[in-house]
Amino acid sequence: MGFEPADRLAKDRESVRKRFWVKFKRVVTKLPFAEDLLAAYYCAFDKHTPRHVQATLLGALAYFILPFDFIPDMLPVLGFTDDAAVLATAIRLVAAHITPEHRDAARAALKRGAGEAEIS
C-alpha cells in the first residue's frame, strides 16, 4: 500500500508549508512528538538540507497534513500514531541532517506558541 496522495502533496512545497501550520496549530496540544515534527519541518525547508533529505521529510510532513490517513486524527490517543510512525521512520533515515539549529528552532517555536519561524 503506497502513500500516493502524500507523495503528490510533497511535491508542492508551498502547499505543504501553508497546510502544515494550519494543522499544526490546531493539534499541537495533542502531539507528544511536536518538537520532532517541527525539527523535521525546519530541516525540510532549510536551503542547506540536501534535496533527497528534503524529499523524505516533505513526504512525512505531507502525510501529517493529509485530511485522511490510516487512523483518523480525531481518535483520542490512537489518532496520531500512524503520523508518528511515518515521521519517526523519516527521521531515522535522515537523522544526521536534523541539526541542533533545527531542534532549537522547534523548541523556540513551541515556547512562542508554535508560531512559524524560518531558518535560512
C-alpha atoms as a PDB file:
ATOM      1  CA  MET A   1       0.000   0.000   0.000  1.00  0.00           C
ATOM      2  CA  GLY A   2       1.547   3.315  -1.082  1.00  0.00           C
ATOM      3  CA  PHE A   3       1.216   6.880   0.088  1.00  0.00           C
ATOM      4  CA  GLU A   4       0.243   8.321  -3.309  1.00  0.00           C
ATOM      5  CA  PRO A   5      -1.684  11.377  -2.018  1.00  0.00           C
ATOM      6  CA  ALA A   6       1.199  12.253   0.333  1.00  0.00           C
ATOM      7  CA  ASP A   7       3.708  11.772  -2.487  1.00  0.00           C
ATOM      8  CA  ARG A   8       1.769  14.160  -4.740  1.00  0.00           C
ATOM      9  CA  LEU A   9       1.350  16.725  -1.972  1.00  0.00           C
ATOM     10  CA  ALA A  10       5.042  16.542  -1.014  1.00  0.00           C
ATOM     11  CA  LYS A  11       5.962  17.798  -4.490  1.00  0.00           C
ATOM     12  CA  ASP A  12       4.154  21.089  -3.780  1.00  0.00           C
ATOM     13  CA  ARG A  13       6.425  22.659  -1.132  1.00  0.00           C
ATOM     14  CA  GLU A  14       4.336  25.826  -0.685  1.00  0.00           C
ATOM     15  CA  SER A  15       1.160  23.841  -0.127  1.00  0.00           C
ATOM     16  CA  VAL A  16       2.935  21.694   2.472  1.00  0.00           C
ATOM     17  CA  ARG A  17       4.295  24.826   4.173  1.00  0.00           C
ATOM     18  CA  LYS A  18       0.897  26.538   4.418  1.00  0.00           C
ATOM     19  CA  ARG A  19      -1.169  23.486   5.283  1.00  0.00           C
ATOM     20  CA  PHE A  20       1.377  22.286   7.838  1.00  0.00           C
ATOM     21  CA  TRP A  21       0.973  25.385  10.020  1.00  0.00           C
ATOM     22  CA  VAL A  22      -2.820  25.324   9.810  1.00  0.00           C
ATOM     23  CA  LYS A  23      -2.986  21.725  11.049  1.00  0.00           C
ATOM     24  CA  PHE A  24      -0.077  22.021  13.487  1.00  0.00           C
ATOM     25  CA  LYS A  25      -1.608  24.985  15.310  1.00  0.00           C
ATOM     26  CA  ARG A  26      -4.922  23.132  15.521  1.00  0.00           C
ATOM     27  CA  VAL A  27      -3.484  19.919  17.016  1.00  0.00           C
ATOM     28  CA  VAL A  28      -0.213  20.903  18.734  1.00  0.00           C
ATOM     29  CA  THR A  29      -1.565  20.297  22.236  1.00  0.00           C
ATOM     30  CA  LYS A  30      -2.393  16.695  21.296  1.00  0.00           C
ATOM     31  CA  LEU A  31       1.038  15.870  19.797  1.00  0.00           C
ATOM     32  CA  PRO A  32       3.571  14.179  22.063  1.00  0.00           C
ATOM     33  CA  PHE A  33       6.030  14.403  19.131  1.00  0.00           C
ATOM     34  CA  ALA A  34       5.526  18.130  18.372  1.00  0.00           C
ATOM     35  CA  GLU A  35       9.195  19.039  18.809  1.00  0.00           C
ATOM     36  CA  ASP A  36      10.374  16.280  16.456  1.00  0.00           C
ATOM     37  CA  LEU A  37       7.723  17.259  13.932  1.00  0.00           C
ATOM     38  CA  LEU A  38       8.836  20.897  13.999  1.00  0.00           C
ATOM     39  CA  ALA A  39      12.529  19.959  13.776  1.00  0.00           C
ATOM     40  CA  ALA A  40      11.696  17.855  10.703  1.00  0.00           C
ATOM     41  CA  TYR A  41       9.769  20.799   9.243  1.00  0.00           C
ATOM     42  CA  TYR A  42      12.669  23.194   9.749  1.00  0.00           C
ATOM     43  CA  CYS A  43      15.119  20.696   8.262  1.00  0.00           C
ATOM     44  CA  ALA A  44      12.855  20.081   5.243  1.00  0.00           C
ATOM     45  CA  PHE A  45      12.648  23.791   4.466  1.00  0.00           C
ATOM     46  CA  ASP A  46      16.286  24.614   5.226  1.00  0.00           C
ATOM     47  CA  LYS A  47      18.010  25.597   1.966  1.00  0.00           C
ATOM     48  CA  HIS A  48      21.184  23.864   3.205  1.00  0.00           C
ATOM     49  CA  THR A  49      19.457  20.484   3.565  1.00  0.00           C
ATOM     50  CA  PRO A  50      20.223  18.088   0.682  1.00  0.00           C
ATOM     51  CA  ARG A  51      17.328  17.570  -1.751  1.00  0.00           C
ATOM     52  CA  HIS A  52      16.915  13.858  -1.018  1.00  0.00           C
ATOM     53  CA  VAL A  53      16.574  14.627   2.701  1.00  0.00           C
ATOM     54  CA  GLN A  54      14.067  17.389   1.958  1.00  0.00           C
ATOM     55  CA  ALA A  55      12.047  14.950  -0.176  1.00  0.00           C
ATOM     56  CA  THR A  56      11.986  12.345   2.603  1.00  0.00           C
ATOM     57  CA  LEU A  57      10.862  14.847   5.226  1.00  0.00           C
ATOM     58  CA  LEU A  58       8.354  16.556   2.921  1.00  0.00           C
ATOM     59  CA  GLY A  59       6.736  13.155   2.361  1.00  0.00           C
ATOM     60  CA  ALA A  60       6.368  12.634   6.120  1.00  0.00           C
ATOM     61  CA  LEU A  61       5.047  16.188   6.603  1.00  0.00           C
ATOM     62  CA  ALA A  62       2.600  15.722   3.731  1.00  0.00           C
ATOM     63  CA  TYR A  63       1.290  12.547   5.371  1.00  0.00           C
ATOM     64  CA  PHE A  64       0.783  14.501   8.608  1.00  0.00           C
ATOM     65  CA  ILE A  65      -1.299  17.208   6.916  1.00  0.00           C
ATOM     66  CA  LEU A  66      -3.479  14.945   4.795  1.00  0.00           C
ATOM     67  CA  PRO A  67      -7.117  15.187   5.870  1.00  0.00           C
ATOM     68  CA  PHE A  68      -7.390  11.390   5.869  1.00  0.00           C
ATOM     69  CA  ASP A  69      -4.991   8.674   6.910  1.00  0.00           C
ATOM     70  CA  PHE A  70      -4.980   5.128   8.247  1.00  0.00           C
ATOM     71  CA  ILE A  71      -6.031   6.125  11.760  1.00  0.00           C
ATOM     72  CA  PRO A  72      -8.249   9.236  11.949  1.00  0.00           C
ATOM     73  CA  ASP A  73      -6.516  12.011  13.917  1.00  0.00           C
ATOM     74  CA  MET A  74      -9.665  12.752  15.890  1.00  0.00           C
ATOM     75  CA  LEU A  75      -9.455   9.450  17.807  1.00  0.00           C
ATOM     76  CA  PRO A  76      -8.075  10.034  21.301  1.00  0.00           C
ATOM     77  CA  VAL A  77      -4.635   8.505  21.939  1.00  0.00           C
ATOM     78  CA  LEU A  78      -4.510   6.463  18.714  1.00  0.00           C
ATOM     79  CA  GLY A  79      -5.256   9.284  16.293  1.00  0.00           C
ATOM     80  CA  PHE A  80      -1.678  10.361  15.641  1.00  0.00           C
ATOM     81  CA  THR A  81       0.098   7.007  15.979  1.00  0.00           C
ATOM     82  CA  ASP A  82       0.352   6.493  12.229  1.00  0.00           C
ATOM     83  CA  ASP A  83       1.605  10.074  11.748  1.00  0.00           C
ATOM     84  CA  ALA A  84       4.194   9.487  14.486  1.00  0.00           C
ATOM     85  CA  ALA A  85       5.320   6.209  12.889  1.00  0.00           C
ATOM     86  CA  VAL A  86       5.759   7.809   9.456  1.00  0.00           C
ATOM     87  CA  LEU A  87       7.642  10.732  10.988  1.00  0.00           C
ATOM     88  CA  ALA A  88       9.845   8.501  13.163  1.00  0.00           C
ATOM     89  CA  THR A  89      10.795   6.415  10.130  1.00  0.00           C
ATOM     90  CA  ALA A  90      11.661   9.510   8.088  1.00  0.00           C
ATOM     91  CA  ILE A  91      13.691  10.984  10.946  1.00  0.00           C
ATOM     92  CA  ARG A  92      15.623   7.734  11.390  1.00  0.00           C
ATOM     93  CA  LEU A  93      16.504   7.796   7.692  1.00  0.00           C
ATOM     94  CA  VAL A  94      17.819  11.367   7.752  1.00  0.00           C
ATOM     95  CA  ALA A  95      18.698  11.962  11.433  1.00  0.00           C
ATOM     96  CA  ALA A  96      22.214  13.190  10.664  1.00  0.00           C
ATOM     97  CA  HIS A  97      20.727  16.130   8.744  1.00  0.00           C
ATOM     98  CA  ILE A  98      18.458  17.378  11.544  1.00  0.00           C
ATOM     99  CA  THR A  99      20.814  19.835  13.193  1.00  0.00           C
ATOM    100  CA  PRO A 100      20.877  21.379  16.652  1.00  0.00           C
ATOM    101  CA  GLU A 101      19.697  24.600  14.948  1.00  0.00           C
ATOM    102  CA  HIS A 102      16.580  22.805  13.643  1.00  0.00           C
ATOM    103  CA  ARG A 103      15.877  21.455  17.131  1.00  0.00           C
ATOM    104  CA  ASP A 104      16.498  24.881  18.711  1.00  0.00           C
ATOM    105  CA  ALA A 105      14.070  26.470  16.228  1.00  0.00           C
ATOM    106  CA  ALA A 106      11.470  23.809  17.093  1.00  0.00           C
ATOM    107  CA  ARG A 107      11.806  24.447  20.836  1.00  0.00           C
ATOM    108  CA  ALA A 108      11.661  28.212  20.302  1.00  0.00           C
ATOM    109  CA  ALA A 109       8.512  27.904  18.170  1.00  0.00           C
ATOM    110  CA  LEU A 110       6.832  25.784  20.842  1.00  0.00           C
ATOM    111  CA  LYS A 111       7.737  28.322  23.525  1.00  0.00           C
ATOM    112  CA  ARG A 112       6.265  31.113  21.393  1.00  0.00           C
ATOM    113  CA  GLY A 113       3.072  29.136  20.925  1.00  0.00           C
ATOM    114  CA  ALA A 114       4.062  27.364  17.705  1.00  0.00           C
ATOM    115  CA  GLY A 115       4.378  30.473  15.582  1.00  0.00           C
ATOM    116  CA  GLU A 116       6.303  29.987  12.381  1.00  0.00           C
ATOM    117  CA  ALA A 117       9.980  30.946  12.383  1.00  0.00           C
ATOM    118  CA  GLU A 118      12.102  30.384   9.324  1.00  0.00           C
ATOM    119  CA  ILE A 119      15.612  29.046   9.062  1.00  0.00           C
ATOM    120  CA  SER A 120      17.519  30.450   6.122  1.00  0.00           C
END
